[in-house]
Amino acid sequence: MAPVTFGGLGVREFLAIFLFHKVGLGTTEALSLSLLWFSISVIASIFGGVIFLFSENPMSTLHKKTV
């Protein structure tokens, strides 16, 4: 049974440390890289969400034109 985590946080970092250790990267570097990638993903998602909230929904305008 897979553990339930917040956004995969913890499981992703463990796997990053485990897999990057196989290619010779240290624990702190692997953890930092994984957290940096997660942070970039969250920031990009928030930015896209803000754009989505303040833009007009093209499906609603399409529906209004056909009715």
C-alpha atoms as a PDB file:
ATOM      1  CA  MET A   1       0.000   0.000   0.000  1.00  0.00           C
ATOM      2  CA  ALA A   2       1.433   3.379  -1.012  1.00  0.00           C
ATOM      3  CA  PRO A   3       1.702   6.016   1.708  1.00  0.00           C
ATOM      4  CA  VAL A   4      -0.490   9.084   1.377  1.00  0.00           C
ATOM      5  CA  THR A   5       1.649  12.228   1.188  1.00  0.00           C
ATOM      6  CA  PHE A   6       1.132  15.909   0.459  1.00  0.00           C
ATOM      7  CA  GLY A   7       1.998  16.241  -3.221  1.00  0.00           C
ATOM      8  CA  GLY A   8       4.328  13.256  -3.052  1.00  0.00           C
ATOM      9  CA  LEU A   9       6.658  15.190  -0.758  1.00  0.00           C
ATOM     10  CA  GLY A  10       8.911  12.788   1.090  1.00  0.00           C
ATOM     11  CA  VAL A  11       8.518   9.858  -1.270  1.00  0.00           C
ATOM     12  CA  ARG A  12       9.898  11.927  -4.158  1.00  0.00           C
ATOM     13  CA  GLU A  13      12.832  13.110  -2.060  1.00  0.00           C
ATOM     14  CA  PHE A  14      13.629   9.602  -0.869  1.00  0.00           C
ATOM     15  CA  LEU A  15      13.627   8.333  -4.448  1.00  0.00           C
ATOM     16  CA  ALA A  16      15.761  11.266  -5.605  1.00  0.00           C
ATOM     17  CA  ILE A  17      18.334  10.585  -2.895  1.00  0.00           C
ATOM     18  CA  PHE A  18      18.288   6.859  -3.642  1.00  0.00           C
ATOM     19  CA  LEU A  19      18.586   7.199  -7.425  1.00  0.00           C
ATOM     20  CA  PHE A  20      21.062  10.093  -7.483  1.00  0.00           C
ATOM     21  CA  HIS A  21      23.231   8.230  -4.977  1.00  0.00           C
ATOM     22  CA  LYS A  22      23.549   5.453  -7.582  1.00  0.00           C
ATOM     23  CA  VAL A  23      25.201   7.916 -10.005  1.00  0.00           C
ATOM     24  CA  GLY A  24      27.478   9.448  -7.378  1.00  0.00           C
ATOM     25  CA  LEU A  25      25.585  12.524  -6.190  1.00  0.00           C
ATOM     26  CA  GLY A  26      25.583  13.240  -2.466  1.00  0.00           C
ATOM     27  CA  THR A  27      22.552  13.166  -0.205  1.00  0.00           C
ATOM     28  CA  THR A  28      22.351  16.914   0.377  1.00  0.00           C
ATOM     29  CA  GLU A  29      22.756  17.709  -3.318  1.00  0.00           C
ATOM     30  CA  ALA A  30      20.056  15.216  -4.312  1.00  0.00           C
ATOM     31  CA  LEU A  31      17.682  16.529  -1.660  1.00  0.00           C
ATOM     32  CA  SER A  32      18.345  20.127  -2.694  1.00  0.00           C
ATOM     33  CA  LEU A  33      17.774  19.309  -6.353  1.00  0.00           C
ATOM     34  CA  SER A  34      14.523  17.514  -5.589  1.00  0.00           C
ATOM     35  CA  LEU A  35      13.184  20.328  -3.403  1.00  0.00           C
ATOM     36  CA  LEU A  36      14.236  22.928  -5.981  1.00  0.00           C
ATOM     37  CA  TRP A  37      12.366  21.047  -8.714  1.00  0.00           C
ATOM     38  CA  PHE A  38       9.288  20.776  -6.483  1.00  0.00           C
ATOM     39  CA  SER A  39       9.440  24.512  -5.723  1.00  0.00           C
ATOM     40  CA  ILE A  40       9.705  25.406  -9.417  1.00  0.00           C
ATOM     41  CA  SER A  41       6.709  23.171 -10.171  1.00  0.00           C
ATOM     42  CA  VAL A  42       4.627  24.778  -7.416  1.00  0.00           C
ATOM     43  CA  ILE A  43       5.518  28.313  -8.532  1.00  0.00           C
ATOM     44  CA  ALA A  44       4.680  27.525 -12.164  1.00  0.00           C
ATOM     45  CA  SER A  45       1.384  25.946 -11.110  1.00  0.00           C
ATOM     46  CA  ILE A  46       0.425  28.954  -9.001  1.00  0.00           C
ATOM     47  CA  PHE A  47       1.299  31.294 -11.866  1.00  0.00           C
ATOM     48  CA  GLY A  48      -0.830  29.241 -14.274  1.00  0.00           C
ATOM     49  CA  GLY A  49      -3.687  29.124 -11.765  1.00  0.00           C
ATOM     50  CA  VAL A  50      -3.678  32.908 -11.416  1.00  0.00           C
ATOM     51  CA  ILE A  51      -3.760  33.301 -15.197  1.00  0.00           C
ATOM     52  CA  PHE A  52      -6.630  30.807 -15.382  1.00  0.00           C
ATOM     53  CA  LEU A  53      -8.623  32.602 -12.672  1.00  0.00           C
ATOM     54  CA  PHE A  54      -8.359  36.006 -14.311  1.00  0.00           C
ATOM     55  CA  SER A  55      -8.838  34.927 -17.919  1.00  0.00           C
ATOM     56  CA  GLU A  56     -12.142  34.448 -19.648  1.00  0.00           C
ATOM     57  CA  ASN A  57     -13.168  30.836 -19.993  1.00  0.00           C
ATOM     58  CA  PRO A  58     -13.309  30.075 -23.738  1.00  0.00           C
ATOM     59  CA  MET A  59     -15.862  27.286 -23.201  1.00  0.00           C
ATOM     60  CA  SER A  60     -18.338  29.651 -21.543  1.00  0.00           C
ATOM     61  CA  THR A  61     -18.136  32.145 -24.445  1.00  0.00           C
ATOM     62  CA  LEU A  62     -18.548  29.318 -26.937  1.00  0.00           C
ATOM     63  CA  HIS A  63     -21.642  28.097 -25.113  1.00  0.00           C
ATOM     64  CA  LYS A  64     -23.166  31.601 -25.034  1.00  0.00           C
ATOM     65  CA  LYS A  65     -22.741  32.019 -28.804  1.00  0.00           C
ATOM     66  CA  THR A  66     -24.492  28.752 -29.678  1.00  0.00           C
ATOM     67  CA  VAL A  67     -27.485  29.197 -27.363  1.00  0.00           C
END
